[in-house]
PDB file of N, CA and C in Angstrom:
ATOM      1  N   SER A   1       0.768  -1.136  -0.051  1.00  0.00           N
ATOM      2  CA  SER A   1       0.018  -0.023  -0.065  1.00  0.00           C
ATOM      3  C   SER A   1       0.931   1.376  -0.028  1.00  0.00           C
ATOM      4  N   ARG A   2       0.428   2.400  -0.495  1.00  0.00           N
ATOM      5  CA  ARG A   2       1.178   3.663  -0.688  1.00  0.00           C
ATOM      6  C   ARG A   2       0.942   4.365   0.903  1.00  0.00           C
ATOM      7  N   SER A   3       2.080   4.757   1.274  1.00  0.00           N
ATOM      8  CA  SER A   3       2.110   5.241   2.549  1.00  0.00           C
ATOM      9  C   SER A   3       2.166   7.125   2.471  1.00  0.00           C
ATOM     10  N   THR A   4       2.240   7.452   1.277  1.00  0.00           N
ATOM     11  CA  THR A   4       2.452   8.854   0.795  1.00  0.00           C
ATOM     12  C   THR A   4       1.549   9.264  -0.435  1.00  0.00           C
ATOM     13  N   GLU A   5       0.858  10.474  -0.525  1.00  0.00           N
ATOM     14  CA  GLU A   5       0.352  10.813  -1.665  1.00  0.00           C
ATOM     15  C   GLU A   5       1.089  11.599  -2.615  1.00  0.00           C
ATOM     16  N   GLU A   6       1.058  11.098  -3.797  1.00  0.00           N
ATOM     17  CA  GLU A   6       2.148  11.699  -4.878  1.00  0.00           C
ATOM     18  C   GLU A   6       1.279  11.924  -6.038  1.00  0.00           C
ATOM     19  N   ALA A   7       1.698  12.890  -6.901  1.00  0.00           N
ATOM     20  CA  ALA A   7       1.120  12.995  -8.164  1.00  0.00           C
ATOM     21  C   ALA A   7       1.893  12.097  -9.351  1.00  0.00           C
ATOM     22  N   SER A   8       1.108  11.478 -10.189  1.00  0.00           N
ATOM     23  CA  SER A   8       1.959  10.966 -11.235  1.00  0.00           C
ATOM     24  C   SER A   8       0.982  10.511 -12.364  1.00  0.00           C
ATOM     25  N   GLY A   9       1.552  10.613 -13.650  1.00  0.00           N
ATOM     26  CA  GLY A   9       0.833  10.701 -14.857  1.00  0.00           C
ATOM     27  C   GLY A   9       1.616  11.828 -15.967  1.00  0.00           C
ATOM     28  N   THR A  10       0.833  11.779 -16.980  1.00  0.00           N
ATOM     29  CA  THR A  10       1.264  12.729 -18.023  1.00  0.00           C
ATOM     30  C   THR A  10       0.517  14.104 -17.889  1.00  0.00           C
ATOM     31  N   PRO A  11       1.113  15.347 -17.385  1.00  0.00           N
ATOM     32  CA  PRO A  11       0.544  16.348 -17.028  1.00  0.00           C
ATOM     33  C   PRO A  11      -0.483  16.897 -17.938  1.00  0.00           C
ATOM     34  N   ARG A  12      -0.317  16.875 -18.996  1.00  0.00           N
ATOM     35  CA  ARG A  12      -1.228  17.742 -20.157  1.00  0.00           C
ATOM     36  C   ARG A  12      -2.601  16.741 -20.065  1.00  0.00           C
ATOM     37  N   TYR A  13      -2.709  15.481 -19.432  1.00  0.00           N
ATOM     38  CA  TYR A  13      -3.707  14.747 -19.489  1.00  0.00           C
ATOM     39  C   TYR A  13      -4.186  14.316 -18.250  1.00  0.00           C
ATOM     40  N   MET A  14      -3.731  14.791 -17.147  1.00  0.00           N
ATOM     41  CA  MET A  14      -3.702  14.113 -15.779  1.00  0.00           C
ATOM     42  C   MET A  14      -5.304  14.576 -15.277  1.00  0.00           C
ATOM     43  N   ALA A  15      -5.984  13.775 -14.713  1.00  0.00           N
ATOM     44  CA  ALA A  15      -7.195  14.394 -13.825  1.00  0.00           C
ATOM     45  C   ALA A  15      -6.813  15.007 -12.605  1.00  0.00           C
ATOM     46  N   PRO A  16      -7.715  16.109 -12.301  1.00  0.00           N
ATOM     47  CA  PRO A  16      -7.629  16.739 -10.957  1.00  0.00           C
ATOM     48  C   PRO A  16      -6.950  15.712  -9.960  1.00  0.00           C
ATOM     49  N   GLU A  17      -7.660  14.697  -9.589  1.00  0.00           N
ATOM     50  CA  GLU A  17      -7.027  13.803  -8.367  1.00  0.00           C
ATOM     51  C   GLU A  17      -5.690  13.316  -8.423  1.00  0.00           C
ATOM     52  N   GLN A  18      -5.129  13.145  -9.942  1.00  0.00           N
ATOM     53  CA  GLN A  18      -3.934  12.743 -10.044  1.00  0.00           C
ATOM     54  C   GLN A  18      -2.877  13.972  -9.622  1.00  0.00           C
ATOM     55  N   PHE A  19      -3.046  15.242  -9.951  1.00  0.00           N
ATOM     56  CA  PHE A  19      -2.385  16.344  -9.644  1.00  0.00           C
ATOM     57  C   PHE A  19      -2.290  16.528  -7.982  1.00  0.00           C
ATOM     58  N   MET A  20      -3.477  16.088  -7.379  1.00  0.00           N
ATOM     59  CA  MET A  20      -3.628  16.337  -6.000  1.00  0.00           C
ATOM     60  C   MET A  20      -3.003  15.011  -5.190  1.00  0.00           C
ATOM     61  N   GLY A  21      -2.718  14.044  -5.992  1.00  0.00           N
ATOM     62  CA  GLY A  21      -2.182  12.772  -5.226  1.00  0.00           C
ATOM     63  C   GLY A  21      -3.285  12.012  -4.427  1.00  0.00           C
ATOM     64  N   LYS A  22      -4.477  12.193  -4.825  1.00  0.00           N
ATOM     65  CA  LYS A  22      -5.386  11.444  -4.097  1.00  0.00           C
ATOM     66  C   LYS A  22      -5.860  10.104  -4.686  1.00  0.00           C
ATOM     67  N   TRP A  23      -4.808   9.226  -4.563  1.00  0.00           N
ATOM     68  CA  TRP A  23      -4.921   8.078  -5.136  1.00  0.00           C
ATOM     69  C   TRP A  23      -5.978   7.153  -4.857  1.00  0.00           C
ATOM     70  N   ARG A  24      -6.721   7.360  -3.635  1.00  0.00           N
ATOM     71  CA  ARG A  24      -7.768   6.692  -3.503  1.00  0.00           C
ATOM     72  C   ARG A  24      -9.178   6.886  -4.190  1.00  0.00           C
ATOM     73  N   ASP A  25      -8.934   8.080  -5.247  1.00  0.00           N
ATOM     74  CA  ASP A  25     -10.250   8.498  -5.852  1.00  0.00           C
ATOM     75  C   ASP A  25      -9.710   7.993  -7.441  1.00  0.00           C
ATOM     76  N   TYR A  26      -8.561   7.338  -7.593  1.00  0.00           N
ATOM     77  CA  TYR A  26      -8.402   7.012  -8.881  1.00  0.00           C
ATOM     78  C   TYR A  26      -9.264   5.702  -9.267  1.00  0.00           C
ATOM     79  N   GLY A  27      -9.618   5.776 -10.800  1.00  0.00           N
ATOM     80  CA  GLY A  27     -10.501   4.736 -10.892  1.00  0.00           C
ATOM     81  C   GLY A  27     -10.869   5.081 -12.641  1.00  0.00           C
ATOM     82  N   PRO A  28     -11.917   4.122 -13.121  1.00  0.00           N
ATOM     83  CA  PRO A  28     -12.142   4.378 -14.514  1.00  0.00           C
ATOM     84  C   PRO A  28     -12.260   5.863 -14.844  1.00  0.00           C
ATOM     85  N   GLY A  29     -12.849   6.774 -13.950  1.00  0.00           N
ATOM     86  CA  GLY A  29     -13.119   8.307 -14.226  1.00  0.00           C
ATOM     87  C   GLY A  29     -11.846   8.773 -14.516  1.00  0.00           C
ATOM     88  N   THR A  30     -10.590   8.538 -14.022  1.00  0.00           N
ATOM     89  CA  THR A  30      -9.276   8.993 -14.160  1.00  0.00           C
ATOM     90  C   THR A  30      -8.963   8.786 -15.441  1.00  0.00           C
ATOM     91  N   ASP A  31      -9.082   7.640 -16.029  1.00  0.00           N
ATOM     92  CA  ASP A  31      -8.789   7.540 -17.307  1.00  0.00           C
ATOM     93  C   ASP A  31      -9.671   8.101 -18.410  1.00  0.00           C
ATOM     94  N   LEU A  32     -11.016   8.107 -18.042  1.00  0.00           N
ATOM     95  CA  LEU A  32     -11.811   8.695 -19.058  1.00  0.00           C
ATOM     96  C   LEU A  32     -11.754  10.219 -18.891  1.00  0.00           C
ATOM     97  N   TYR A  33     -11.333  10.975 -18.053  1.00  0.00           N
ATOM     98  CA  TYR A  33     -10.781  12.231 -17.929  1.00  0.00           C
ATOM     99  C   TYR A  33      -9.577  12.555 -19.148  1.00  0.00           C
ATOM    100  N   ALA A  34      -8.851  11.493 -18.806  1.00  0.00           N
ATOM    101  CA  ALA A  34      -7.630  11.739 -20.151  1.00  0.00           C
ATOM    102  C   ALA A  34      -8.122  11.749 -21.627  1.00  0.00           C
ATOM    103  N   VAL A  35      -9.056  10.617 -21.580  1.00  0.00           N
ATOM    104  CA  VAL A  35      -9.476  10.688 -22.888  1.00  0.00           C
ATOM    105  C   VAL A  35     -10.339  11.662 -23.375  1.00  0.00           C
ATOM    106  N   GLY A  36     -11.038  12.257 -22.457  1.00  0.00           N
ATOM    107  CA  GLY A  36     -12.020  13.649 -22.741  1.00  0.00           C
ATOM    108  C   GLY A  36     -11.028  14.611 -23.119  1.00  0.00           C
ATOM    109  N   ILE A  37      -9.766  14.942 -22.494  1.00  0.00           N
ATOM    110  CA  ILE A  37      -8.677  15.976 -23.047  1.00  0.00           C
ATOM    111  C   ILE A  37      -8.292  15.532 -24.282  1.00  0.00           C
ATOM    112  N   MET A  38      -8.162  14.200 -24.552  1.00  0.00           N
ATOM    113  CA  MET A  38      -7.526  13.974 -25.875  1.00  0.00           C
ATOM    114  C   MET A  38      -8.696  14.096 -27.000  1.00  0.00           C
ATOM    115  N   ALA A  39      -9.528  13.890 -26.686  1.00  0.00           N
ATOM    116  CA  ALA A  39     -10.868  13.953 -27.690  1.00  0.00           C
ATOM    117  C   ALA A  39     -10.850  15.540 -28.145  1.00  0.00           C
ATOM    118  N   TYR A  40     -10.767  16.298 -26.708  1.00  0.00           N
ATOM    119  CA  TYR A  40     -11.088  17.718 -27.110  1.00  0.00           C
ATOM    120  C   TYR A  40      -9.870  18.427 -27.837  1.00  0.00           C
ATOM    121  N   GLN A  41      -8.708  17.826 -27.894  1.00  0.00           N
ATOM    122  CA  GLN A  41      -7.455  18.202 -28.488  1.00  0.00           C
ATOM    123  C   GLN A  41      -7.681  17.666 -29.812  1.00  0.00           C
ATOM    124  N   LEU A  42      -8.143  16.616 -30.293  1.00  0.00           N
ATOM    125  CA  LEU A  42      -8.397  15.917 -31.790  1.00  0.00           C
ATOM    126  C   LEU A  42      -9.185  16.733 -32.308  1.00  0.00           C
ATOM    127  N   ALA A  43     -10.384  17.036 -31.652  1.00  0.00           N
ATOM    128  CA  ALA A  43     -11.527  17.799 -32.428  1.00  0.00           C
ATOM    129  C   ALA A  43     -11.210  19.407 -32.734  1.00  0.00           C
ATOM    130  N   SER A  44     -10.360  19.735 -31.629  1.00  0.00           N
ATOM    131  CA  SER A  44     -10.185  21.572 -31.604  1.00  0.00           C
ATOM    132  C   SER A  44      -8.825  21.857 -32.287  1.00  0.00           C
ATOM    133  N   GLY A  45      -7.913  20.663 -32.145  1.00  0.00           N
ATOM    134  CA  GLY A  45      -6.373  21.118 -32.457  1.00  0.00           C
ATOM    135  C   GLY A  45      -5.551  21.757 -31.373  1.00  0.00           C
ATOM    136  N   GLU A  46      -5.985  21.785 -30.162  1.00  0.00           N
ATOM    137  CA  GLU A  46      -5.233  22.426 -29.170  1.00  0.00           C
ATOM    138  C   GLU A  46      -5.837  21.664 -27.736  1.00  0.00           C
ATOM    139  N   LEU A  47      -4.957  21.639 -26.969  1.00  0.00           N
ATOM    140  CA  LEU A  47      -5.148  21.375 -25.528  1.00  0.00           C
ATOM    141  C   LEU A  47      -6.006  22.389 -24.869  1.00  0.00           C
ATOM    142  N   PRO A  48      -7.028  21.778 -23.785  1.00  0.00           N
ATOM    143  CA  PRO A  48      -8.022  22.711 -23.108  1.00  0.00           C
ATOM    144  C   PRO A  48      -7.002  23.469 -22.152  1.00  0.00           C
ATOM    145  N   PHE A  49      -6.118  23.022 -21.526  1.00  0.00           N
ATOM    146  CA  PHE A  49      -5.253  23.825 -20.532  1.00  0.00           C
ATOM    147  C   PHE A  49      -3.924  23.930 -21.044  1.00  0.00           C
ATOM    148  N   LYS A  50      -3.220  24.782 -20.773  1.00  0.00           N
ATOM    149  CA  LYS A  50      -2.029  25.221 -21.166  1.00  0.00           C
ATOM    150  C   LYS A  50      -1.341  25.731 -19.867  1.00  0.00           C
ATOM    151  N   GLY A  51      -0.185  25.309 -19.789  1.00  0.00           N
ATOM    152  CA  GLY A  51       0.992  25.681 -18.822  1.00  0.00           C
ATOM    153  C   GLY A  51       2.283  25.340 -19.015  1.00  0.00           C
ATOM    154  N   ALA A  52       3.083  26.357 -18.707  1.00  0.00           N
ATOM    155  CA  ALA A  52       4.568  26.064 -18.981  1.00  0.00           C
ATOM    156  C   ALA A  52       5.300  25.192 -17.930  1.00  0.00           C
ATOM    157  N   THR A  53       4.511  24.909 -16.904  1.00  0.00           N
ATOM    158  CA  THR A  53       5.105  24.418 -15.595  1.00  0.00           C
ATOM    159  C   THR A  53       4.256  23.191 -15.004  1.00  0.00           C
ATOM    160  N   PHE A  54       4.603  22.260 -14.408  1.00  0.00           N
ATOM    161  CA  PHE A  54       3.887  21.160 -13.868  1.00  0.00           C
ATOM    162  C   PHE A  54       2.541  22.067 -12.867  1.00  0.00           C
ATOM    163  N   MET A  55       3.091  23.002 -12.214  1.00  0.00           N
ATOM    164  CA  MET A  55       2.302  23.592 -11.259  1.00  0.00           C
ATOM    165  C   MET A  55       1.243  24.423 -12.077  1.00  0.00           C
ATOM    166  N   MET A  56       1.477  24.851 -13.266  1.00  0.00           N
ATOM    167  CA  MET A  56       0.446  25.858 -13.898  1.00  0.00           C
ATOM    168  C   MET A  56      -0.484  24.802 -14.579  1.00  0.00           C
ATOM    169  N   LEU A  57       0.031  23.690 -14.870  1.00  0.00           N
ATOM    170  CA  LEU A  57      -1.074  22.754 -15.586  1.00  0.00           C
ATOM    171  C   LEU A  57      -1.975  22.351 -14.468  1.00  0.00           C
ATOM    172  N   ALA A  58      -1.499  21.987 -13.352  1.00  0.00           N
ATOM    173  CA  ALA A  58      -1.985  21.557 -11.991  1.00  0.00           C
ATOM    174  C   ALA A  58      -3.213  22.408 -11.870  1.00  0.00           C
ATOM    175  N   MET A  59      -2.690  23.538 -11.715  1.00  0.00           N
ATOM    176  CA  MET A  59      -3.872  24.674 -11.262  1.00  0.00           C
ATOM    177  C   MET A  59      -5.125  24.857 -12.157  1.00  0.00           C
ATOM    178  N   ALA A  60      -4.527  24.602 -13.648  1.00  0.00           N
ATOM    179  CA  ALA A  60      -5.494  24.845 -14.663  1.00  0.00           C
ATOM    180  C   ALA A  60      -6.300  23.698 -14.345  1.00  0.00           C
ATOM    181  N   HIS A  61      -5.984  22.365 -14.405  1.00  0.00           N
ATOM    182  CA  HIS A  61      -6.819  21.353 -14.765  1.00  0.00           C
ATOM    183  C   HIS A  61      -7.810  21.327 -13.205  1.00  0.00           C
ATOM    184  N   ILE A  62      -7.213  21.741 -12.097  1.00  0.00           N
ATOM    185  CA  ILE A  62      -7.810  21.599 -10.767  1.00  0.00           C
ATOM    186  C   ILE A  62      -9.073  22.543 -10.827  1.00  0.00           C
ATOM    187  N   ASN A  63      -8.675  24.105 -11.166  1.00  0.00           N
ATOM    188  CA  ASN A  63      -9.594  25.250 -10.894  1.00  0.00           C
ATOM    189  C   ASN A  63     -10.110  25.616 -12.247  1.00  0.00           C
ATOM    190  N   THR A  64      -9.662  25.547 -13.366  1.00  0.00           N
ATOM    191  CA  THR A  64     -10.283  26.243 -14.489  1.00  0.00           C
ATOM    192  C   THR A  64     -11.240  25.455 -15.195  1.00  0.00           C
ATOM    193  N   ALA A  65     -12.380  26.023 -15.417  1.00  0.00           N
ATOM    194  CA  ALA A  65     -13.582  25.417 -15.978  1.00  0.00           C
ATOM    195  C   ALA A  65     -12.965  24.802 -17.459  1.00  0.00           C
ATOM    196  N   MET A  66     -13.472  23.973 -18.057  1.00  0.00           N
ATOM    197  CA  MET A  66     -13.291  23.381 -19.193  1.00  0.00           C
ATOM    198  C   MET A  66     -13.769  24.399 -20.438  1.00  0.00           C
ATOM    199  N   PRO A  67     -12.645  25.026 -21.204  1.00  0.00           N
ATOM    200  CA  PRO A  67     -13.342  25.844 -22.251  1.00  0.00           C
ATOM    201  C   PRO A  67     -14.187  25.227 -23.197  1.00  0.00           C
ATOM    202  N   GLU A  68     -15.223  26.051 -23.826  1.00  0.00           N
ATOM    203  CA  GLU A  68     -16.103  25.721 -24.592  1.00  0.00           C
ATOM    204  C   GLU A  68     -15.347  25.183 -25.810  1.00  0.00           C
ATOM    205  N   LEU A  69     -15.909  23.965 -26.440  1.00  0.00           N
ATOM    206  CA  LEU A  69     -15.150  23.115 -27.547  1.00  0.00           C
ATOM    207  C   LEU A  69     -15.450  24.101 -28.855  1.00  0.00           C
ATOM    208  N   THR A  70     -14.333  24.273 -29.583  1.00  0.00           N
ATOM    209  CA  THR A  70     -14.703  25.134 -30.825  1.00  0.00           C
ATOM    210  C   THR A  70     -13.832  24.094 -31.990  1.00  0.00           C
ATOM    211  N   PRO A  71     -14.599  23.075 -32.558  1.00  0.00           N
ATOM    212  CA  PRO A  71     -14.149  22.132 -33.290  1.00  0.00           C
ATOM    213  C   PRO A  71     -13.549  22.716 -34.594  1.00  0.00           C
ATOM    214  N   ARG A  72     -12.589  22.084 -35.178  1.00  0.00           N
ATOM    215  CA  ARG A  72     -11.913  22.522 -36.458  1.00  0.00           C
ATOM    216  C   ARG A  72     -12.352  21.379 -37.440  1.00  0.00           C
ATOM    217  N   ILE A  73     -12.959  20.154 -37.165  1.00  0.00           N
ATOM    218  CA  ILE A  73     -13.418  19.297 -37.826  1.00  0.00           C
ATOM    219  C   ILE A  73     -14.966  18.849 -37.593  1.00  0.00           C
ATOM    220  N   ALA A  74     -15.763  18.518 -38.537  1.00  0.00           N
ATOM    221  CA  ALA A  74     -17.197  18.004 -38.181  1.00  0.00           C
ATOM    222  C   ALA A  74     -17.206  17.087 -37.076  1.00  0.00           C
ATOM    223  N   VAL A  75     -18.008  17.451 -36.001  1.00  0.00           N
ATOM    224  CA  VAL A  75     -18.330  16.438 -34.676  1.00  0.00           C
ATOM    225  C   VAL A  75     -19.897  16.356 -34.656  1.00  0.00           C
ATOM    226  N   PRO A  76     -20.246  15.301 -33.996  1.00  0.00           N
ATOM    227  CA  PRO A  76     -21.720  15.014 -33.885  1.00  0.00           C
ATOM    228  C   PRO A  76     -22.128  16.294 -32.715  1.00  0.00           C
ATOM    229  N   GLU A  77     -23.386  16.476 -32.901  1.00  0.00           N
ATOM    230  CA  GLU A  77     -24.027  17.450 -32.043  1.00  0.00           C
ATOM    231  C   GLU A  77     -24.147  16.775 -30.645  1.00  0.00           C
ATOM    232  N   GLY A  78     -23.706  17.524 -29.547  1.00  0.00           N
ATOM    233  CA  GLY A  78     -23.642  17.301 -28.361  1.00  0.00           C
ATOM    234  C   GLY A  78     -21.970  16.721 -27.798  1.00  0.00           C
ATOM    235  N   PHE A  79     -21.222  16.741 -28.964  1.00  0.00           N
ATOM    236  CA  PHE A  79     -19.923  16.240 -28.551  1.00  0.00           C
ATOM    237  C   PHE A  79     -19.097  17.047 -27.273  1.00  0.00           C
ATOM    238  N   GLY A  80     -19.230  18.224 -27.508  1.00  0.00           N
ATOM    239  CA  GLY A  80     -18.663  19.106 -26.404  1.00  0.00           C
ATOM    240  C   GLY A  80     -19.306  18.950 -25.131  1.00  0.00           C
ATOM    241  N   GLU A  81     -20.723  18.280 -24.882  1.00  0.00           N
ATOM    242  CA  GLU A  81     -21.153  18.199 -23.748  1.00  0.00           C
ATOM    243  C   GLU A  81     -20.515  16.652 -23.221  1.00  0.00           C
ATOM    244  N   TRP A  82     -20.553  15.862 -24.307  1.00  0.00           N
ATOM    245  CA  TRP A  82     -19.635  14.524 -23.986  1.00  0.00           C
ATOM    246  C   TRP A  82     -18.413  14.860 -23.295  1.00  0.00           C
ATOM    247  N   ILE A  83     -17.788  15.608 -23.888  1.00  0.00           N
ATOM    248  CA  ILE A  83     -16.296  15.955 -23.362  1.00  0.00           C
ATOM    249  C   ILE A  83     -16.399  16.754 -22.087  1.00  0.00           C
ATOM    250  N   ARG A  84     -17.326  17.558 -21.630  1.00  0.00           N
ATOM    251  CA  ARG A  84     -17.404  18.295 -20.621  1.00  0.00           C
ATOM    252  C   ARG A  84     -17.559  17.135 -19.570  1.00  0.00           C
ATOM    253  N   ARG A  85     -18.624  16.102 -19.664  1.00  0.00           N
ATOM    254  CA  ARG A  85     -18.755  15.223 -18.732  1.00  0.00           C
ATOM    255  C   ARG A  85     -17.573  14.278 -18.591  1.00  0.00           C
ATOM    256  N   MET A  86     -17.011  13.871 -19.614  1.00  0.00           N
ATOM    257  CA  MET A  86     -15.584  13.195 -19.495  1.00  0.00           C
ATOM    258  C   MET A  86     -14.598  13.935 -18.383  1.00  0.00           C
ATOM    259  N   THR A  87     -14.732  15.065 -18.420  1.00  0.00           N
ATOM    260  CA  THR A  87     -13.643  15.956 -17.865  1.00  0.00           C
ATOM    261  C   THR A  87     -14.058  16.609 -16.677  1.00  0.00           C
ATOM    262  N   MET A  88     -15.170  16.293 -16.184  1.00  0.00           N
ATOM    263  CA  MET A  88     -15.733  17.067 -14.847  1.00  0.00           C
ATOM    264  C   MET A  88     -14.526  16.953 -13.876  1.00  0.00           C
ATOM    265  N   LYS A  89     -14.591  17.846 -12.945  1.00  0.00           N
ATOM    266  CA  LYS A  89     -13.342  17.913 -12.012  1.00  0.00           C
ATOM    267  C   LYS A  89     -13.547  17.063 -10.794  1.00  0.00           C
ATOM    268  N   LYS A  90     -14.794  16.376 -10.585  1.00  0.00           N
ATOM    269  CA  LYS A  90     -14.909  15.498  -9.589  1.00  0.00           C
ATOM    270  C   LYS A  90     -15.089  14.030 -10.242  1.00  0.00           C
ATOM    271  N   PRO A  91     -14.438  12.945  -9.828  1.00  0.00           N
ATOM    272  CA  PRO A  91     -14.529  11.937 -10.542  1.00  0.00           C
ATOM    273  C   PRO A  91     -16.035  11.320 -10.527  1.00  0.00           C
ATOM    274  N   GLY A  92     -16.716  11.256  -9.319  1.00  0.00           N
ATOM    275  CA  GLY A  92     -17.922  11.059  -9.276  1.00  0.00           C
ATOM    276  C   GLY A  92     -19.200  11.815 -10.280  1.00  0.00           C
ATOM    277  N   ASP A  93     -18.719  12.746 -10.706  1.00  0.00           N
ATOM    278  CA  ASP A  93     -19.455  13.545 -11.921  1.00  0.00           C
ATOM    279  C   ASP A  93     -19.121  13.078 -13.091  1.00  0.00           C
ATOM    280  N   ARG A  94     -18.086  12.286 -13.250  1.00  0.00           N
ATOM    281  CA  ARG A  94     -17.769  11.740 -14.692  1.00  0.00           C
ATOM    282  C   ARG A  94     -18.692  10.702 -15.262  1.00  0.00           C
ATOM    283  N   PHE A  95     -18.567   9.933 -16.256  1.00  0.00           N
ATOM    284  CA  PHE A  95     -19.138   8.712 -16.661  1.00  0.00           C
ATOM    285  C   PHE A  95     -18.564   7.632 -15.698  1.00  0.00           C
ATOM    286  N   GLN A  96     -19.322   6.765 -15.194  1.00  0.00           N
ATOM    287  CA  GLN A  96     -18.697   5.851 -14.251  1.00  0.00           C
ATOM    288  C   GLN A  96     -17.932   4.792 -15.052  1.00  0.00           C
ATOM    289  N   SER A  97     -18.148   4.446 -16.309  1.00  0.00           N
ATOM    290  CA  SER A  97     -17.539   3.296 -16.828  1.00  0.00           C
ATOM    291  C   SER A  97     -17.206   3.858 -18.322  1.00  0.00           C
ATOM    292  N   ALA A  98     -16.175   3.091 -19.032  1.00  0.00           N
ATOM    293  CA  ALA A  98     -16.025   3.276 -20.460  1.00  0.00           C
ATOM    294  C   ALA A  98     -17.129   3.115 -21.212  1.00  0.00           C
ATOM    295  N   ALA A  99     -18.162   1.900 -20.680  1.00  0.00           N
ATOM    296  CA  ALA A  99     -19.290   1.655 -21.451  1.00  0.00           C
ATOM    297  C   ALA A  99     -20.067   2.707 -21.217  1.00  0.00           C
ATOM    298  N   ASP A 100     -20.258   3.358 -20.097  1.00  0.00           N
ATOM    299  CA  ASP A 100     -21.300   4.481 -20.169  1.00  0.00           C
ATOM    300  C   ASP A 100     -20.875   5.375 -21.085  1.00  0.00           C
ATOM    301  N   ALA A 101     -19.594   5.770 -21.276  1.00  0.00           N
ATOM    302  CA  ALA A 101     -19.236   6.889 -22.015  1.00  0.00           C
ATOM    303  C   ALA A 101     -19.232   6.415 -23.468  1.00  0.00           C
ATOM    304  N   VAL A 102     -19.048   5.228 -23.767  1.00  0.00           N
ATOM    305  CA  VAL A 102     -19.186   4.818 -25.379  1.00  0.00           C
ATOM    306  C   VAL A 102     -20.693   4.936 -25.803  1.00  0.00           C
ATOM    307  N   TRP A 103     -21.597   4.229 -24.737  1.00  0.00           N
ATOM    308  CA  TRP A 103     -23.144   4.489 -25.061  1.00  0.00           C
ATOM    309  C   TRP A 103     -23.366   5.898 -25.178  1.00  0.00           C
ATOM    310  N   ALA A 104     -22.950   6.705 -24.549  1.00  0.00           N
ATOM    311  CA  ALA A 104     -23.424   8.082 -24.686  1.00  0.00           C
ATOM    312  C   ALA A 104     -22.815   8.879 -26.076  1.00  0.00           C
ATOM    313  N   LEU A 105     -21.698   8.494 -26.403  1.00  0.00           N
ATOM    314  CA  LEU A 105     -21.247   8.856 -27.685  1.00  0.00           C
ATOM    315  C   LEU A 105     -21.979   8.308 -28.684  1.00  0.00           C
ATOM    316  N   SER A 106     -22.319   7.033 -28.833  1.00  0.00           N
ATOM    317  CA  SER A 106     -23.007   6.520 -29.647  1.00  0.00           C
ATOM    318  C   SER A 106     -24.458   7.130 -29.937  1.00  0.00           C
ATOM    319  N   VAL A 107     -25.018   7.586 -29.053  1.00  0.00           N
ATOM    320  CA  VAL A 107     -26.067   8.468 -29.029  1.00  0.00           C
ATOM    321  C   VAL A 107     -25.780   9.842 -29.794  1.00  0.00           C
ATOM    322  N   PHE A 108     -24.789  10.468 -29.566  1.00  0.00           N
ATOM    323  CA  PHE A 108     -24.517  11.613 -30.345  1.00  0.00           C
ATOM    324  C   PHE A 108     -23.972  11.379 -31.700  1.00  0.00           C
ATOM    325  N   SER A 109     -23.454  10.206 -31.860  1.00  0.00           N
ATOM    326  CA  SER A 109     -22.956   9.965 -33.308  1.00  0.00           C
ATOM    327  C   SER A 109     -24.002   9.516 -34.169  1.00  0.00           C
ATOM    328  N   SER A 110     -25.226   9.212 -33.663  1.00  0.00           N
ATOM    329  CA  SER A 110     -26.182   8.755 -34.481  1.00  0.00           C
ATOM    330  C   SER A 110     -26.906   9.996 -35.019  1.00  0.00           C
ATOM    331  N   LYS A 111     -26.512  11.223 -34.499  1.00  0.00           N
ATOM    332  CA  LYS A 111     -27.023  12.641 -35.347  1.00  0.00           C
ATOM    333  C   LYS A 111     -26.154  12.950 -36.339  1.00  0.00           C
ATOM    334  N   ALA A 112     -26.728  13.999 -37.043  1.00  0.00           N
ATOM    335  CA  ALA A 112     -25.999  14.517 -38.040  1.00  0.00           C
ATOM    336  C   ALA A 112     -25.084  15.331 -37.444  1.00  0.00           C
ATOM    337  N   PRO A 113     -23.504  15.319 -38.181  1.00  0.00           N
ATOM    338  CA  PRO A 113     -22.504  15.922 -37.598  1.00  0.00           C
ATOM    339  C   PRO A 113     -22.698  17.642 -37.895  1.00  0.00           C
ATOM    340  N   LEU A 114     -22.034  18.451 -37.142  1.00  0.00           N
ATOM    341  CA  LEU A 114     -22.125  19.744 -37.446  1.00  0.00           C
ATOM    342  C   LEU A 114     -21.117  20.137 -38.369  1.00  0.00           C
ATOM    343  N   ALA A 115     -21.417  21.084 -39.138  1.00  0.00           N
ATOM    344  CA  ALA A 115     -20.453  21.367 -40.318  1.00  0.00           C
ATOM    345  C   ALA A 115     -19.404  22.324 -39.719  1.00  0.00           C
ATOM    346  N   ARG A 116     -18.083  22.564 -39.866  1.00  0.00           N
ATOM    347  CA  ARG A 116     -17.022  23.373 -39.305  1.00  0.00           C
ATOM    348  C   ARG A 116     -17.656  24.700 -39.542  1.00  0.00           C
TER     349      ARG A 116
END
């Protein structure tokens, strides 16, 4: 068992609980947060949170609201809301499993894509 709390992960994609070293809160939502950040980056061409240092990135991921998605490609209607749910600050507010996230995404994917 761990006796100390420490942050670990790839800073640009880390969930708030990782930055805070709250390893007891790690779970599927921690990975889903990273997937949400990647989805935002793939759709917009930019990372949602920027920072030159680990601490700047930590503060952004912990305290800054997820920016509105401005896609550079066609995305399904509701995709921004899906990303927002994936990247909620509290793990319990995110999808609870990858299956839940995939199901929600499949609902959006059945709708007509938004033009850029």
